[in-house]
Amino acid sequence: AGLEAELQLDRLKPRLSRRVLLLQGHQPSWNKELELAPGTPPQCHNLTAYLRDKAEFKDKLSPVALSLSLALPGDNPGLVLYGDTLVQTQVRG
């Protein structure tokens, strides 16, 4: 059994104009099927993201929104266990 995990960076922006990308793959999202089995240790995934060069985008004021969704895989696409969580932070630089 497992869970489908999906992380979206800067999710309020259109995909091609997102300001934050993952270092590995230079994409604004991450998908992974997490295998779960009784007695196995917890899983940890460290992902490094970066802010694109400010010359590449115009919107420098709105917060960067992140979302994480966990869902059961397979024939139940509407069954989301933990979805569309919104995390926002604003950093002045």
N, C-alpha and C. Protein backbone atom coordinates (compact mmCIF):
# COMPACT_ATOMS: atom_id res chain seq x y z
N ALA A 1 0.85 -1.19 0.00
CA ALA A 1 0.00 0.00 0.00
C ALA A 1 0.88 1.23 0.00
N GLY A 2 0.34 2.34 -0.46
CA GLY A 2 1.11 3.56 -0.50
C GLY A 2 0.23 4.78 -0.60
N LEU A 3 0.86 5.92 -0.63
CA LEU A 3 0.20 7.21 -0.78
C LEU A 3 0.86 7.97 -1.92
N GLU A 4 0.07 8.71 -2.66
CA GLU A 4 0.62 9.58 -3.68
C GLU A 4 0.81 10.96 -3.07
N ALA A 5 2.05 11.44 -3.06
CA ALA A 5 2.37 12.75 -2.51
C ALA A 5 2.65 13.71 -3.66
N GLU A 6 2.11 14.93 -3.54
CA GLU A 6 2.36 15.96 -4.55
C GLU A 6 2.64 17.28 -3.86
N LEU A 7 3.76 17.89 -4.19
CA LEU A 7 4.15 19.19 -3.67
C LEU A 7 4.11 20.18 -4.83
N GLN A 8 3.44 21.31 -4.63
CA GLN A 8 3.37 22.37 -5.64
C GLN A 8 3.99 23.63 -5.05
N LEU A 9 4.97 24.20 -5.75
CA LEU A 9 5.63 25.43 -5.32
C LEU A 9 5.03 26.61 -6.08
N ASP A 10 4.78 27.70 -5.38
CA ASP A 10 4.22 28.93 -5.96
C ASP A 10 2.96 28.60 -6.76
N ARG A 11 2.08 27.82 -6.15
CA ARG A 11 0.96 27.22 -6.86
C ARG A 11 -0.12 28.19 -7.33
N LEU A 12 -0.12 29.41 -6.83
CA LEU A 12 -1.12 30.38 -7.26
C LEU A 12 -0.76 31.03 -8.59
N LYS A 13 0.44 30.79 -9.08
CA LYS A 13 0.88 31.33 -10.36
C LYS A 13 0.72 30.27 -11.44
N PRO A 14 0.57 30.70 -12.71
CA PRO A 14 0.56 29.73 -13.80
C PRO A 14 1.88 28.96 -13.83
N ARG A 15 1.84 27.72 -14.25
CA ARG A 15 3.00 26.83 -14.18
C ARG A 15 4.26 27.44 -14.80
N LEU A 16 4.14 28.09 -15.95
CA LEU A 16 5.32 28.62 -16.63
C LEU A 16 5.86 29.90 -16.01
N SER A 17 5.10 30.54 -15.13
CA SER A 17 5.59 31.78 -14.52
C SER A 17 5.84 31.64 -13.02
N ARG A 18 6.02 30.42 -12.55
CA ARG A 18 6.29 30.23 -11.13
C ARG A 18 7.69 30.72 -10.78
N ARG A 19 7.79 31.34 -9.61
CA ARG A 19 9.03 31.99 -9.20
C ARG A 19 9.97 31.08 -8.43
N VAL A 20 9.46 29.95 -7.95
CA VAL A 20 10.26 29.03 -7.14
C VAL A 20 10.30 27.68 -7.84
N LEU A 21 11.50 27.10 -7.93
CA LEU A 21 11.69 25.81 -8.58
C LEU A 21 12.51 24.91 -7.67
N LEU A 22 12.37 23.62 -7.86
CA LEU A 22 13.18 22.66 -7.13
C LEU A 22 14.57 22.58 -7.76
N LEU A 23 15.58 22.49 -6.93
CA LEU A 23 16.96 22.44 -7.43
C LEU A 23 17.16 21.22 -8.34
N GLN A 24 16.67 20.07 -7.92
CA GLN A 24 16.80 18.88 -8.74
C GLN A 24 15.66 18.87 -9.77
N GLY A 25 15.98 19.01 -11.03
CA GLY A 25 15.00 18.97 -12.09
C GLY A 25 14.47 20.33 -12.52
N HIS A 26 14.68 21.37 -11.73
CA HIS A 26 14.25 22.73 -12.03
C HIS A 26 12.76 22.79 -12.41
N GLN A 27 11.94 22.09 -11.63
CA GLN A 27 10.49 22.05 -11.84
C GLN A 27 9.79 22.66 -10.62
N PRO A 28 8.55 23.17 -10.81
CA PRO A 28 7.82 23.76 -9.68
C PRO A 28 6.99 22.74 -8.90
N SER A 29 7.12 21.45 -9.23
CA SER A 29 6.33 20.45 -8.50
C SER A 29 7.14 19.18 -8.31
N TRP A 30 6.67 18.36 -7.36
CA TRP A 30 7.31 17.08 -7.03
C TRP A 30 6.21 16.08 -6.77
N ASN A 31 6.33 14.90 -7.37
CA ASN A 31 5.37 13.82 -7.17
C ASN A 31 6.13 12.56 -6.78
N LYS A 32 5.57 11.82 -5.85
CA LYS A 32 6.23 10.60 -5.40
C LYS A 32 5.18 9.68 -4.81
N GLU A 33 5.29 8.39 -5.12
CA GLU A 33 4.45 7.42 -4.44
C GLU A 33 5.22 6.93 -3.23
N LEU A 34 4.65 7.14 -2.07
CA LEU A 34 5.28 6.75 -0.81
C LEU A 34 4.79 5.36 -0.43
N GLU A 35 5.71 4.43 -0.34
CA GLU A 35 5.35 3.06 0.04
C GLU A 35 5.21 2.98 1.56
N LEU A 36 4.11 2.40 1.99
CA LEU A 36 3.84 2.24 3.42
C LEU A 36 3.68 0.76 3.72
N ALA A 37 4.32 0.32 4.77
CA ALA A 37 4.18 -1.07 5.19
C ALA A 37 4.33 -1.11 6.71
N PRO A 38 3.61 -2.00 7.36
CA PRO A 38 3.72 -2.12 8.82
C PRO A 38 5.17 -2.41 9.24
N GLY A 39 5.62 -1.72 10.26
CA GLY A 39 6.94 -1.97 10.81
C GLY A 39 8.07 -1.26 10.11
N THR A 40 7.81 -0.52 9.06
CA THR A 40 8.89 0.19 8.38
C THR A 40 9.10 1.55 9.05
N PRO A 41 10.33 2.05 9.00
CA PRO A 41 10.60 3.35 9.64
C PRO A 41 9.95 4.49 8.86
N PRO A 42 9.78 5.63 9.50
CA PRO A 42 9.22 6.80 8.81
C PRO A 42 10.12 7.22 7.64
N GLN A 43 9.50 7.81 6.64
CA GLN A 43 10.26 8.29 5.48
C GLN A 43 10.44 9.79 5.58
N CYS A 44 11.59 10.24 5.11
CA CYS A 44 11.88 11.67 5.10
C CYS A 44 12.42 12.02 3.72
N HIS A 45 11.91 13.08 3.13
CA HIS A 45 12.38 13.56 1.83
C HIS A 45 12.77 15.02 1.98
N ASN A 46 14.03 15.33 1.75
CA ASN A 46 14.51 16.70 1.79
C ASN A 46 14.58 17.22 0.36
N LEU A 47 13.90 18.32 0.10
CA LEU A 47 13.88 18.92 -1.22
C LEU A 47 14.40 20.35 -1.10
N THR A 48 15.30 20.73 -1.98
CA THR A 48 15.85 22.08 -1.97
C THR A 48 15.23 22.87 -3.12
N ALA A 49 14.72 24.04 -2.79
CA ALA A 49 14.11 24.91 -3.80
C ALA A 49 14.88 26.23 -3.85
N TYR A 50 14.72 26.91 -4.97
CA TYR A 50 15.39 28.20 -5.12
C TYR A 50 14.45 29.19 -5.78
N LEU A 51 14.69 30.47 -5.52
CA LEU A 51 13.94 31.56 -6.11
C LEU A 51 14.65 31.95 -7.41
N ARG A 52 13.89 31.97 -8.49
CA ARG A 52 14.48 32.36 -9.77
C ARG A 52 15.01 33.79 -9.69
N ASP A 53 15.90 34.15 -10.58
CA ASP A 53 16.46 35.49 -10.61
C ASP A 53 15.33 36.51 -10.74
N LYS A 54 15.38 37.56 -9.95
CA LYS A 54 14.28 38.54 -9.94
C LYS A 54 14.08 39.21 -11.28
N ALA A 55 15.06 39.18 -12.16
CA ALA A 55 14.89 39.76 -13.50
C ALA A 55 13.97 38.89 -14.37
N GLU A 56 13.72 37.65 -13.95
CA GLU A 56 12.91 36.72 -14.74
C GLU A 56 11.41 36.83 -14.47
N PHE A 57 11.00 37.59 -13.47
CA PHE A 57 9.57 37.72 -13.18
C PHE A 57 9.25 39.13 -12.69
N LYS A 58 8.00 39.54 -12.88
CA LYS A 58 7.58 40.89 -12.52
C LYS A 58 7.00 40.98 -11.12
N ASP A 59 6.28 39.95 -10.69
CA ASP A 59 5.58 39.99 -9.40
C ASP A 59 6.56 39.67 -8.27
N LYS A 60 6.94 40.71 -7.55
CA LYS A 60 7.89 40.54 -6.45
C LYS A 60 7.23 40.77 -5.09
N LEU A 61 5.90 41.06 -5.10
CA LEU A 61 5.23 41.41 -3.85
C LEU A 61 4.33 40.31 -3.29
N SER A 62 3.72 39.51 -4.15
CA SER A 62 2.78 38.51 -3.62
C SER A 62 3.54 37.36 -2.97
N PRO A 63 2.95 36.77 -1.93
CA PRO A 63 3.63 35.67 -1.24
C PRO A 63 3.73 34.43 -2.12
N VAL A 64 4.70 33.60 -1.80
CA VAL A 64 4.89 32.32 -2.48
C VAL A 64 4.05 31.28 -1.73
N ALA A 65 3.12 30.66 -2.42
CA ALA A 65 2.22 29.68 -1.80
C ALA A 65 2.67 28.27 -2.16
N LEU A 66 2.72 27.41 -1.16
CA LEU A 66 3.09 26.01 -1.34
C LEU A 66 1.91 25.14 -0.95
N SER A 67 1.76 24.00 -1.63
CA SER A 67 0.72 23.07 -1.21
C SER A 67 1.26 21.64 -1.24
N LEU A 68 0.76 20.83 -0.34
CA LEU A 68 1.12 19.42 -0.26
C LEU A 68 -0.17 18.63 -0.22
N SER A 69 -0.23 17.60 -1.05
CA SER A 69 -1.41 16.75 -1.12
C SER A 69 -0.99 15.30 -0.96
N LEU A 70 -1.72 14.55 -0.15
CA LEU A 70 -1.51 13.11 0.02
C LEU A 70 -2.81 12.41 -0.33
N ALA A 71 -2.74 11.43 -1.23
CA ALA A 71 -3.94 10.75 -1.69
C ALA A 71 -3.68 9.26 -1.85
N LEU A 72 -4.74 8.49 -1.76
CA LEU A 72 -4.63 7.06 -2.03
C LEU A 72 -4.51 6.85 -3.54
N PRO A 73 -3.58 6.02 -3.98
CA PRO A 73 -3.42 5.81 -5.42
C PRO A 73 -4.50 4.90 -5.98
N GLY A 74 -4.56 4.88 -7.31
CA GLY A 74 -5.44 3.91 -7.97
C GLY A 74 -6.77 4.47 -8.39
N ASP A 75 -7.81 3.70 -8.14
CA ASP A 75 -9.13 3.99 -8.69
C ASP A 75 -9.94 5.00 -7.89
N ASN A 76 -9.34 5.63 -6.88
CA ASN A 76 -10.07 6.58 -6.05
C ASN A 76 -9.47 7.99 -6.19
N PRO A 77 -9.50 8.59 -7.39
CA PRO A 77 -8.85 9.89 -7.55
C PRO A 77 -9.47 11.00 -6.71
N GLY A 78 -10.70 10.85 -6.29
CA GLY A 78 -11.34 11.86 -5.47
C GLY A 78 -11.06 11.71 -3.99
N LEU A 79 -10.42 10.62 -3.59
CA LEU A 79 -10.17 10.36 -2.18
C LEU A 79 -8.81 10.93 -1.79
N VAL A 80 -8.82 12.16 -1.30
CA VAL A 80 -7.60 12.83 -0.87
C VAL A 80 -7.60 12.85 0.65
N LEU A 81 -6.51 12.37 1.23
CA LEU A 81 -6.43 12.30 2.68
C LEU A 81 -6.00 13.63 3.30
N TYR A 82 -5.14 14.32 2.61
CA TYR A 82 -4.58 15.55 3.14
C TYR A 82 -4.26 16.39 1.92
N GLY A 83 -5.09 17.38 1.61
CA GLY A 83 -4.85 18.04 0.34
C GLY A 83 -4.98 19.53 0.37
N ASP A 84 -4.31 20.13 -0.59
CA ASP A 84 -4.39 21.55 -0.85
C ASP A 84 -4.09 22.38 0.39
N THR A 85 -3.12 21.96 1.15
CA THR A 85 -2.68 22.75 2.29
C THR A 85 -1.90 23.94 1.77
N LEU A 86 -2.19 25.09 2.28
CA LEU A 86 -1.56 26.31 1.81
C LEU A 86 -0.61 26.84 2.88
N VAL A 87 0.64 26.99 2.50
CA VAL A 87 1.65 27.55 3.39
C VAL A 87 2.17 28.80 2.72
N GLN A 88 2.13 29.91 3.40
CA GLN A 88 2.60 31.16 2.82
C GLN A 88 3.59 31.81 3.76
N THR A 89 4.58 32.45 3.17
CA THR A 89 5.51 33.25 3.95
C THR A 89 5.97 34.42 3.08
N GLN A 90 6.31 35.51 3.72
CA GLN A 90 6.80 36.65 2.97
C GLN A 90 8.14 37.03 3.52
N VAL A 91 9.13 37.16 2.62
CA VAL A 91 10.48 37.50 3.00
C VAL A 91 10.84 38.78 2.29
N ARG A 92 11.36 39.69 3.02
CA ARG A 92 11.82 40.95 2.41
C ARG A 92 13.32 40.85 2.20
N GLY A 93 13.75 41.24 1.02
CA GLY A 93 15.18 41.12 0.74
C GLY A 93 15.74 42.22 -0.07
